[in-house]
mmCIF file of all heavy atoms, coordinates in Angstrom:
data_MODEL
# 
_entry.id   MODEL 
# 
loop_
_atom_site.group_PDB 
_atom_site.id 
_atom_site.type_symbol 
_atom_site.label_atom_id 
_atom_site.label_alt_id 
_atom_site.label_comp_id 
_atom_site.label_asym_id 
_atom_site.label_entity_id 
_atom_site.label_seq_id 
_atom_site.pdbx_PDB_ins_code 
_atom_site.Cartn_x 
_atom_site.Cartn_y 
_atom_site.Cartn_z 
_atom_site.occupancy 
_atom_site.B_iso_or_equiv 
_atom_site.pdbx_formal_charge 
_atom_site.auth_seq_id 
_atom_site.auth_comp_id 
_atom_site.auth_asym_id 
_atom_site.auth_atom_id 
_atom_site.pdbx_PDB_model_num 
ATOM 1   N N   . GLN A 1 1  ? 11.567 -17.266 -25.830 1.00 0.00 ? 1  GLN A N   1 
ATOM 2   C CA  . GLN A 1 1  ? 12.148 -18.476 -25.292 1.00 0.00 ? 1  GLN A CA  1 
ATOM 3   C C   . GLN A 1 1  ? 12.742 -19.353 -26.392 1.00 0.00 ? 1  GLN A C   1 
ATOM 4   O O   . GLN A 1 1  ? 12.120 -19.625 -27.419 1.00 0.00 ? 1  GLN A O   1 
ATOM 5   C CB  . GLN A 1 1  ? 11.029 -19.263 -24.596 1.00 0.00 ? 1  GLN A CB  1 
ATOM 6   C CG  . GLN A 1 1  ? 11.545 -20.483 -23.915 1.00 0.00 ? 1  GLN A CG  1 
ATOM 7   C CD  . GLN A 1 1  ? 10.495 -21.104 -23.104 1.00 0.00 ? 1  GLN A CD  1 
ATOM 8   O OE1 . GLN A 1 1  ? 9.503  -20.470 -22.785 1.00 0.00 ? 1  GLN A OE1 1 
ATOM 9   N NE2 . GLN A 1 1  ? 10.673 -22.337 -22.702 1.00 0.00 ? 1  GLN A NE2 1 
ATOM 10  N N   . LEU A 1 2  ? 13.964 -19.765 -26.192 1.00 0.00 ? 2  LEU A N   1 
ATOM 11  C CA  . LEU A 1 2  ? 14.651 -20.610 -27.156 1.00 0.00 ? 2  LEU A CA  1 
ATOM 12  C C   . LEU A 1 2  ? 14.564 -22.076 -26.731 1.00 0.00 ? 2  LEU A C   1 
ATOM 13  O O   . LEU A 1 2  ? 14.377 -22.380 -25.582 1.00 0.00 ? 2  LEU A O   1 
ATOM 14  C CB  . LEU A 1 2  ? 16.105 -20.165 -27.255 1.00 0.00 ? 2  LEU A CB  1 
ATOM 15  C CG  . LEU A 1 2  ? 16.355 -18.685 -27.689 1.00 0.00 ? 2  LEU A CG  1 
ATOM 16  C CD1 . LEU A 1 2  ? 17.801 -18.371 -27.769 1.00 0.00 ? 2  LEU A CD1 1 
ATOM 17  C CD2 . LEU A 1 2  ? 15.651 -18.410 -29.041 1.00 0.00 ? 2  LEU A CD2 1 
ATOM 18  N N   . ALA A 1 3  ? 14.769 -22.928 -27.721 1.00 0.00 ? 3  ALA A N   1 
ATOM 19  C CA  . ALA A 1 3  ? 14.742 -24.386 -27.432 1.00 0.00 ? 3  ALA A CA  1 
ATOM 20  C C   . ALA A 1 3  ? 15.850 -24.762 -26.532 1.00 0.00 ? 3  ALA A C   1 
ATOM 21  O O   . ALA A 1 3  ? 15.736 -25.702 -25.731 1.00 0.00 ? 3  ALA A O   1 
ATOM 22  C CB  . ALA A 1 3  ? 14.749 -25.193 -28.714 1.00 0.00 ? 3  ALA A CB  1 
ATOM 23  N N   . ASP A 1 4  ? 16.989 -24.131 -26.645 1.00 0.00 ? 4  ASP A N   1 
ATOM 24  C CA  . ASP A 1 4  ? 18.135 -24.422 -25.765 1.00 0.00 ? 4  ASP A CA  1 
ATOM 25  C C   . ASP A 1 4  ? 17.746 -23.981 -24.348 1.00 0.00 ? 4  ASP A C   1 
ATOM 26  O O   . ASP A 1 4  ? 17.511 -22.807 -24.066 1.00 0.00 ? 4  ASP A O   1 
ATOM 27  C CB  . ASP A 1 4  ? 19.358 -23.647 -26.249 1.00 0.00 ? 4  ASP A CB  1 
ATOM 28  C CG  . ASP A 1 4  ? 20.565 -23.897 -25.390 1.00 0.00 ? 4  ASP A CG  1 
ATOM 29  O OD1 . ASP A 1 4  ? 20.448 -24.536 -24.349 1.00 0.00 ? 4  ASP A OD1 1 
ATOM 30  O OD2 . ASP A 1 4  ? 21.676 -23.477 -25.811 1.00 0.00 ? 4  ASP A OD2 1 
ATOM 31  N N   . ALA A 1 5  ? 17.687 -24.914 -23.412 1.00 0.00 ? 5  ALA A N   1 
ATOM 32  C CA  . ALA A 1 5  ? 17.279 -24.615 -22.071 1.00 0.00 ? 5  ALA A CA  1 
ATOM 33  C C   . ALA A 1 5  ? 18.163 -23.553 -21.436 1.00 0.00 ? 5  ALA A C   1 
ATOM 34  O O   . ALA A 1 5  ? 17.744 -22.781 -20.539 1.00 0.00 ? 5  ALA A O   1 
ATOM 35  C CB  . ALA A 1 5  ? 17.261 -25.870 -21.200 1.00 0.00 ? 5  ALA A CB  1 
ATOM 36  N N   . SER A 1 6  ? 19.429 -23.469 -21.869 1.00 0.00 ? 6  SER A N   1 
ATOM 37  C CA  . SER A 1 6  ? 20.344 -22.497 -21.280 1.00 0.00 ? 6  SER A CA  1 
ATOM 38  C C   . SER A 1 6  ? 19.944 -21.071 -21.641 1.00 0.00 ? 6  SER A C   1 
ATOM 39  O O   . SER A 1 6  ? 20.374 -20.125 -21.021 1.00 0.00 ? 6  SER A O   1 
ATOM 40  C CB  . SER A 1 6  ? 21.753 -22.780 -21.713 1.00 0.00 ? 6  SER A CB  1 
ATOM 41  O OG  . SER A 1 6  ? 21.935 -22.544 -23.072 1.00 0.00 ? 6  SER A OG  1 
ATOM 42  N N   . LEU A 1 7  ? 19.081 -20.903 -22.674 1.00 0.00 ? 7  LEU A N   1 
ATOM 43  C CA  . LEU A 1 7  ? 18.663 -19.593 -23.073 1.00 0.00 ? 7  LEU A CA  1 
ATOM 44  C C   . LEU A 1 7  ? 17.191 -19.325 -22.857 1.00 0.00 ? 7  LEU A C   1 
ATOM 45  O O   . LEU A 1 7  ? 16.660 -18.339 -23.271 1.00 0.00 ? 7  LEU A O   1 
ATOM 46  C CB  . LEU A 1 7  ? 18.979 -19.408 -24.610 1.00 0.00 ? 7  LEU A CB  1 
ATOM 47  C CG  . LEU A 1 7  ? 20.458 -19.508 -24.973 1.00 0.00 ? 7  LEU A CG  1 
ATOM 48  C CD1 . LEU A 1 7  ? 20.594 -19.436 -26.477 1.00 0.00 ? 7  LEU A CD1 1 
ATOM 49  C CD2 . LEU A 1 7  ? 21.283 -18.443 -24.304 1.00 0.00 ? 7  LEU A CD2 1 
ATOM 50  N N   . SER A 1 8  ? 16.533 -20.273 -22.186 1.00 0.00 ? 8  SER A N   1 
ATOM 51  C CA  . SER A 1 8  ? 15.081 -20.233 -22.120 1.00 0.00 ? 8  SER A CA  1 
ATOM 52  C C   . SER A 1 8  ? 14.592 -19.142 -21.165 1.00 0.00 ? 8  SER A C   1 
ATOM 53  O O   . SER A 1 8  ? 15.239 -18.772 -20.207 1.00 0.00 ? 8  SER A O   1 
ATOM 54  C CB  . SER A 1 8  ? 14.616 -21.614 -21.594 1.00 0.00 ? 8  SER A CB  1 
ATOM 55  O OG  . SER A 1 8  ? 13.238 -21.542 -21.240 1.00 0.00 ? 8  SER A OG  1 
ATOM 56  N N   . HIS A 1 9  ? 13.365 -18.639 -21.429 1.00 0.00 ? 9  HIS A N   1 
ATOM 57  C CA  . HIS A 1 9  ? 12.694 -17.737 -20.503 1.00 0.00 ? 9  HIS A CA  1 
ATOM 58  C C   . HIS A 1 9  ? 12.087 -18.499 -19.357 1.00 0.00 ? 9  HIS A C   1 
ATOM 59  O O   . HIS A 1 9  ? 11.773 -17.880 -18.336 1.00 0.00 ? 9  HIS A O   1 
ATOM 60  C CB  . HIS A 1 9  ? 11.596 -16.988 -21.225 1.00 0.00 ? 9  HIS A CB  1 
ATOM 61  C CG  . HIS A 1 9  ? 12.074 -15.818 -22.036 1.00 0.00 ? 9  HIS A CG  1 
ATOM 62  N ND1 . HIS A 1 9  ? 11.501 -14.593 -22.017 1.00 0.00 ? 9  HIS A ND1 1 
ATOM 63  C CD2 . HIS A 1 9  ? 13.148 -15.717 -22.897 1.00 0.00 ? 9  HIS A CD2 1 
ATOM 64  C CE1 . HIS A 1 9  ? 12.161 -13.751 -22.822 1.00 0.00 ? 9  HIS A CE1 1 
ATOM 65  N NE2 . HIS A 1 9  ? 13.175 -14.432 -23.362 1.00 0.00 ? 9  HIS A NE2 1 
ATOM 66  N N   . TYR A 1 10 ? 11.803 -19.779 -19.496 1.00 0.00 ? 10 TYR A N   1 
ATOM 67  C CA  . TYR A 1 10 ? 11.259 -20.609 -18.399 1.00 0.00 ? 10 TYR A CA  1 
ATOM 68  C C   . TYR A 1 10 ? 12.185 -21.744 -18.106 1.00 0.00 ? 10 TYR A C   1 
ATOM 69  O O   . TYR A 1 10 ? 12.607 -22.490 -19.008 1.00 0.00 ? 10 TYR A O   1 
ATOM 70  C CB  . TYR A 1 10 ? 9.914  -21.172 -18.832 1.00 0.00 ? 10 TYR A CB  1 
ATOM 71  C CG  . TYR A 1 10 ? 8.763  -20.163 -18.807 1.00 0.00 ? 10 TYR A CG  1 
ATOM 72  C CD1 . TYR A 1 10 ? 8.496  -19.367 -19.918 1.00 0.00 ? 10 TYR A CD1 1 
ATOM 73  C CD2 . TYR A 1 10 ? 7.966  -20.038 -17.694 1.00 0.00 ? 10 TYR A CD2 1 
ATOM 74  C CE1 . TYR A 1 10 ? 7.482  -18.451 -19.894 1.00 0.00 ? 10 TYR A CE1 1 
ATOM 75  C CE2 . TYR A 1 10 ? 6.956  -19.105 -17.670 1.00 0.00 ? 10 TYR A CE2 1 
ATOM 76  C CZ  . TYR A 1 10 ? 6.680  -18.347 -18.783 1.00 0.00 ? 10 TYR A CZ  1 
ATOM 77  O OH  . TYR A 1 10 ? 5.681  -17.413 -18.778 1.00 0.00 ? 10 TYR A OH  1 
ATOM 78  N N   . ASP A 1 11 ? 12.597 -21.859 -16.841 1.00 0.00 ? 11 ASP A N   1 
ATOM 79  C CA  . ASP A 1 11 ? 13.381 -22.980 -16.408 1.00 0.00 ? 11 ASP A CA  1 
ATOM 80  C C   . ASP A 1 11 ? 12.397 -24.080 -16.000 1.00 0.00 ? 11 ASP A C   1 
ATOM 81  O O   . ASP A 1 11 ? 11.840 -24.039 -14.895 1.00 0.00 ? 11 ASP A O   1 
ATOM 82  C CB  . ASP A 1 11 ? 14.275 -22.564 -15.219 1.00 0.00 ? 11 ASP A CB  1 
ATOM 83  C CG  . ASP A 1 11 ? 14.998 -23.741 -14.592 1.00 0.00 ? 11 ASP A CG  1 
ATOM 84  O OD1 . ASP A 1 11 ? 14.971 -24.862 -15.182 1.00 0.00 ? 11 ASP A OD1 1 
ATOM 85  O OD2 . ASP A 1 11 ? 15.638 -23.503 -13.551 1.00 0.00 ? 11 ASP A OD2 1 
ATOM 86  N N   . ASN A 1 12 ? 12.186 -25.036 -16.871 1.00 0.00 ? 12 ASN A N   1 
ATOM 87  C CA  . ASN A 1 12 ? 11.179 -26.046 -16.633 1.00 0.00 ? 12 ASN A CA  1 
ATOM 88  C C   . ASN A 1 12 ? 11.676 -27.328 -15.951 1.00 0.00 ? 12 ASN A C   1 
ATOM 89  O O   . ASN A 1 12 ? 11.151 -28.376 -16.046 1.00 0.00 ? 12 ASN A O   1 
ATOM 90  C CB  . ASN A 1 12 ? 10.436 -26.380 -17.890 1.00 0.00 ? 12 ASN A CB  1 
ATOM 91  C CG  . ASN A 1 12 ? 9.443  -25.290 -18.287 1.00 0.00 ? 12 ASN A CG  1 
ATOM 92  O OD1 . ASN A 1 12 ? 8.788  -24.753 -17.414 1.00 0.00 ? 12 ASN A OD1 1 
ATOM 93  N ND2 . ASN A 1 12 ? 9.391  -24.938 -19.542 1.00 0.00 ? 12 ASN A ND2 1 
ATOM 94  N N   . ARG A 1 13 ? 12.829 -27.150 -15.245 1.00 0.00 ? 13 ARG A N   1 
ATOM 95  C CA  . ARG A 1 13 ? 13.330 -28.291 -14.418 1.00 0.00 ? 13 ARG A CA  1 
ATOM 96  C C   . ARG A 1 13 ? 12.292 -28.579 -13.318 1.00 0.00 ? 13 ARG A C   1 
ATOM 97  O O   . ARG A 1 13 ? 11.455 -27.731 -12.975 1.00 0.00 ? 13 ARG A O   1 
ATOM 98  C CB  . ARG A 1 13 ? 14.618 -27.917 -13.707 1.00 0.00 ? 13 ARG A CB  1 
ATOM 99  C CG  . ARG A 1 13 ? 15.831 -27.654 -14.613 1.00 0.00 ? 13 ARG A CG  1 
ATOM 100 C CD  . ARG A 1 13 ? 16.996 -27.193 -13.789 1.00 0.00 ? 13 ARG A CD  1 
ATOM 101 N NE  . ARG A 1 13 ? 16.687 -25.965 -13.019 1.00 0.00 ? 13 ARG A NE  1 
ATOM 102 C CZ  . ARG A 1 13 ? 16.557 -25.907 -11.722 1.00 0.00 ? 13 ARG A CZ  1 
ATOM 103 N NH1 . ARG A 1 13 ? 16.693 -26.999 -10.975 1.00 0.00 ? 13 ARG A NH1 1 
ATOM 104 N NH2 . ARG A 1 13 ? 16.299 -24.759 -11.121 1.00 0.00 ? 13 ARG A NH2 1 
ATOM 105 N N   . GLN A 1 14 ? 12.383 -29.771 -12.760 1.00 0.00 ? 14 GLN A N   1 
ATOM 106 C CA  . GLN A 1 14 ? 11.602 -30.127 -11.595 1.00 0.00 ? 14 GLN A CA  1 
ATOM 107 C C   . GLN A 1 14 ? 12.585 -30.445 -10.443 1.00 0.00 ? 14 GLN A C   1 
ATOM 108 O O   . GLN A 1 14 ? 12.946 -31.586 -10.223 1.00 0.00 ? 14 GLN A O   1 
ATOM 109 C CB  . GLN A 1 14 ? 10.698 -31.310 -11.888 1.00 0.00 ? 14 GLN A CB  1 
ATOM 110 C CG  . GLN A 1 14 ? 9.656  -31.012 -12.969 1.00 0.00 ? 14 GLN A CG  1 
ATOM 111 C CD  . GLN A 1 14 ? 8.572  -32.091 -13.031 1.00 0.00 ? 14 GLN A CD  1 
ATOM 112 O OE1 . GLN A 1 14 ? 8.471  -32.920 -12.166 1.00 0.00 ? 14 GLN A OE1 1 
ATOM 113 N NE2 . GLN A 1 14 ? 7.851  -32.023 -14.110 1.00 0.00 ? 14 GLN A NE2 1 
ATOM 114 N N   . PRO A 1 15 ? 13.075 -29.421 -9.763  1.00 0.00 ? 15 PRO A N   1 
ATOM 115 C CA  . PRO A 1 15 ? 14.020 -29.615 -8.694  1.00 0.00 ? 15 PRO A CA  1 
ATOM 116 C C   . PRO A 1 15 ? 13.451 -30.457 -7.555  1.00 0.00 ? 15 PRO A C   1 
ATOM 117 O O   . PRO A 1 15 ? 12.198 -30.574 -7.435  1.00 0.00 ? 15 PRO A O   1 
ATOM 118 C CB  . PRO A 1 15 ? 14.370 -28.190 -8.215  1.00 0.00 ? 15 PRO A CB  1 
ATOM 119 C CG  . PRO A 1 15 ? 13.236 -27.353 -8.660  1.00 0.00 ? 15 PRO A CG  1 
ATOM 120 C CD  . PRO A 1 15 ? 12.685 -27.998 -9.896  1.00 0.00 ? 15 PRO A CD  1 
ATOM 121 N N   . PRO A 1 16 ? 14.290 -31.054 -6.709  1.00 0.00 ? 16 PRO A N   1 
ATOM 122 C CA  . PRO A 1 16 ? 13.794 -31.897 -5.635  1.00 0.00 ? 16 PRO A CA  1 
ATOM 123 C C   . PRO A 1 16 ? 12.909 -31.126 -4.646  1.00 0.00 ? 16 PRO A C   1 
ATOM 124 O O   . PRO A 1 16 ? 13.165 -29.952 -4.366  1.00 0.00 ? 16 PRO A O   1 
ATOM 125 C CB  . PRO A 1 16 ? 15.050 -32.401 -4.957  1.00 0.00 ? 16 PRO A CB  1 
ATOM 126 C CG  . PRO A 1 16 ? 16.107 -31.446 -5.339  1.00 0.00 ? 16 PRO A CG  1 
ATOM 127 C CD  . PRO A 1 16 ? 15.734 -30.978 -6.734  1.00 0.00 ? 16 PRO A CD  1 
ATOM 128 N N   . ILE A 1 17 ? 11.862 -31.804 -4.183  1.00 0.00 ? 17 ILE A N   1 
ATOM 129 C CA  . ILE A 1 17 ? 10.943 -31.214 -3.163  1.00 0.00 ? 17 ILE A CA  1 
ATOM 130 C C   . ILE A 1 17 ? 11.290 -31.809 -1.835  1.00 0.00 ? 17 ILE A C   1 
ATOM 131 O O   . ILE A 1 17 ? 11.519 -33.002 -1.678  1.00 0.00 ? 17 ILE A O   1 
ATOM 132 C CB  . ILE A 1 17 ? 9.484  -31.533 -3.534  1.00 0.00 ? 17 ILE A CB  1 
ATOM 133 C CG1 . ILE A 1 17 ? 9.120  -30.948 -4.920  1.00 0.00 ? 17 ILE A CG1 1 
ATOM 134 C CG2 . ILE A 1 17 ? 8.537  -31.001 -2.490  1.00 0.00 ? 17 ILE A CG2 1 
ATOM 135 C CD1 . ILE A 1 17 ? 7.731  -31.291 -5.363  1.00 0.00 ? 17 ILE A CD1 1 
ATOM 136 N N   . GLY A 1 18 ? 11.364 -30.970 -0.823  1.00 0.00 ? 18 GLY A N   1 
ATOM 137 C CA  . GLY A 1 18 ? 11.682 -31.439 0.514   1.00 0.00 ? 18 GLY A CA  1 
ATOM 138 C C   . GLY A 1 18 ? 10.639 -32.407 1.072   1.00 0.00 ? 18 GLY A C   1 
ATOM 139 O O   . GLY A 1 18 ? 9.429  -32.284 0.816   1.00 0.00 ? 18 GLY A O   1 
ATOM 140 N N   . THR A 1 19 ? 11.098 -33.430 1.767   1.00 0.00 ? 19 THR A N   1 
ATOM 141 C CA  . THR A 1 19 ? 10.212 -34.395 2.417   1.00 0.00 ? 19 THR A CA  1 
ATOM 142 C C   . THR A 1 19 ? 9.699  -33.837 3.692   1.00 0.00 ? 19 THR A C   1 
ATOM 143 O O   . THR A 1 19 ? 10.422 -33.265 4.502   1.00 0.00 ? 19 THR A O   1 
ATOM 144 C CB  . THR A 1 19 ? 11.007 -35.694 2.709   1.00 0.00 ? 19 THR A CB  1 
ATOM 145 O OG1 . THR A 1 19 ? 11.494 -36.267 1.495   1.00 0.00 ? 19 THR A OG1 1 
ATOM 146 C CG2 . THR A 1 19 ? 10.120 -36.714 3.410   1.00 0.00 ? 19 THR A CG2 1 
ATOM 147 N N   . VAL A 1 20 ? 8.375  -33.964 3.910   1.00 0.00 ? 20 VAL A N   1 
ATOM 148 C CA  . VAL A 1 20 ? 7.778  -33.467 5.122   1.00 0.00 ? 20 VAL A CA  1 
ATOM 149 C C   . VAL A 1 20 ? 7.405  -34.614 6.095   1.00 0.00 ? 20 VAL A C   1 
ATOM 150 O O   . VAL A 1 20 ? 7.062  -34.355 7.248   1.00 0.00 ? 20 VAL A O   1 
ATOM 151 C CB  . VAL A 1 20 ? 6.523  -32.615 4.829   1.00 0.00 ? 20 VAL A CB  1 
ATOM 152 C CG1 . VAL A 1 20 ? 6.912  -31.379 4.011   1.00 0.00 ? 20 VAL A CG1 1 
ATOM 153 C CG2 . VAL A 1 20 ? 5.472  -33.443 4.117   1.00 0.00 ? 20 VAL A CG2 1 
ATOM 154 N N   . GLY A 1 21 ? 7.474  -35.837 5.630   1.00 0.00 ? 21 GLY A N   1 
ATOM 155 C CA  . GLY A 1 21 ? 7.127  -36.953 6.526   1.00 0.00 ? 21 GLY A CA  1 
ATOM 156 C C   . GLY A 1 21 ? 6.812  -38.217 5.750   1.00 0.00 ? 21 GLY A C   1 
ATOM 157 O O   . GLY A 1 21 ? 7.110  -38.347 4.574   1.00 0.00 ? 21 GLY A O   1 
ATOM 158 N N   . LYS A 1 22 ? 6.159  -39.145 6.462   1.00 0.00 ? 22 LYS A N   1 
ATOM 159 C CA  . LYS A 1 22 ? 5.767  -40.414 5.846   1.00 0.00 ? 22 LYS A CA  1 
ATOM 160 C C   . LYS A 1 22 ? 4.271  -40.621 5.903   1.00 0.00 ? 22 LYS A C   1 
ATOM 161 O O   . LYS A 1 22 ? 3.673  -40.441 7.005   1.00 0.00 ? 22 LYS A O   1 
ATOM 162 C CB  . LYS A 1 22 ? 6.477  -41.604 6.549   1.00 0.00 ? 22 LYS A CB  1 
ATOM 163 C CG  . LYS A 1 22 ? 7.929  -41.766 6.169   1.00 0.00 ? 22 LYS A CG  1 
ATOM 164 C CD  . LYS A 1 22 ? 8.508  -42.994 6.865   1.00 0.00 ? 22 LYS A CD  1 
ATOM 165 C CE  . LYS A 1 22 ? 9.945  -43.247 6.445   1.00 0.00 ? 22 LYS A CE  1 
ATOM 166 N NZ  . LYS A 1 22 ? 10.036 -43.678 5.024   1.00 0.00 ? 22 LYS A NZ  1 
ATOM 167 N N   . LEU A 1 23 ? 3.694  -41.019 4.832   1.00 0.00 ? 23 LEU A N   1 
ATOM 168 C CA  . LEU A 1 23 ? 2.293  -41.449 4.778   1.00 0.00 ? 23 LEU A CA  1 
ATOM 169 C C   . LEU A 1 23 ? 2.327  -42.957 4.508   1.00 0.00 ? 23 LEU A C   1 
ATOM 170 O O   . LEU A 1 23 ? 2.700  -43.379 3.424   1.00 0.00 ? 23 LEU A O   1 
ATOM 171 C CB  . LEU A 1 23 ? 1.551  -40.711 3.663   1.00 0.00 ? 23 LEU A CB  1 
ATOM 172 C CG  . LEU A 1 23 ? 0.019  -40.974 3.589   1.00 0.00 ? 23 LEU A CG  1 
ATOM 173 C CD1 . LEU A 1 23 ? -0.664 -40.470 4.852   1.00 0.00 ? 23 LEU A CD1 1 
ATOM 174 C CD2 . LEU A 1 23 ? -0.561 -40.271 2.396   1.00 0.00 ? 23 LEU A CD2 1 
ATOM 175 N N   . GLY A 1 24 ? 2.033  -43.737 5.555   1.00 0.00 ? 24 GLY A N   1 
ATOM 176 C CA  . GLY A 1 24 ? 2.264  -45.153 5.455   1.00 0.00 ? 24 GLY A CA  1 
ATOM 177 C C   . GLY A 1 24 ? 3.743  -45.433 5.455   1.00 0.00 ? 24 GLY A C   1 
ATOM 178 O O   . GLY A 1 24 ? 4.501  -44.949 6.310   1.00 0.00 ? 24 GLY A O   1 
ATOM 179 N N   . GLU A 1 25 ? 4.242  -46.165 4.438   1.00 0.00 ? 25 GLU A N   1 
ATOM 180 C CA  . GLU A 1 25 ? 5.672  -46.448 4.337   1.00 0.00 ? 25 GLU A CA  1 
ATOM 181 C C   . GLU A 1 25 ? 6.370  -45.539 3.365   1.00 0.00 ? 25 GLU A C   1 
ATOM 182 O O   . GLU A 1 25 ? 7.562  -45.694 3.158   1.00 0.00 ? 25 GLU A O   1 
ATOM 183 C CB  . GLU A 1 25 ? 5.835  -47.925 3.886   1.00 0.00 ? 25 GLU A CB  1 
ATOM 184 C CG  . GLU A 1 25 ? 5.312  -48.947 4.852   1.00 0.00 ? 25 GLU A CG  1 
ATOM 185 C CD  . GLU A 1 25 ? 5.982  -48.876 6.175   1.00 0.00 ? 25 GLU A CD  1 
ATOM 186 O OE1 . GLU A 1 25 ? 7.242  -48.691 6.228   1.00 0.00 ? 25 GLU A OE1 1 
ATOM 187 O OE2 . GLU A 1 25 ? 5.291  -48.974 7.210   1.00 0.00 ? 25 GLU A OE2 1 
# 
């Protein structure tokens, strides 16, 4: 794994998680 994310063995982004509903507001 290289420090350049474009060459990395792990893509450590945190992509958006789908919303399943509302807890309170």
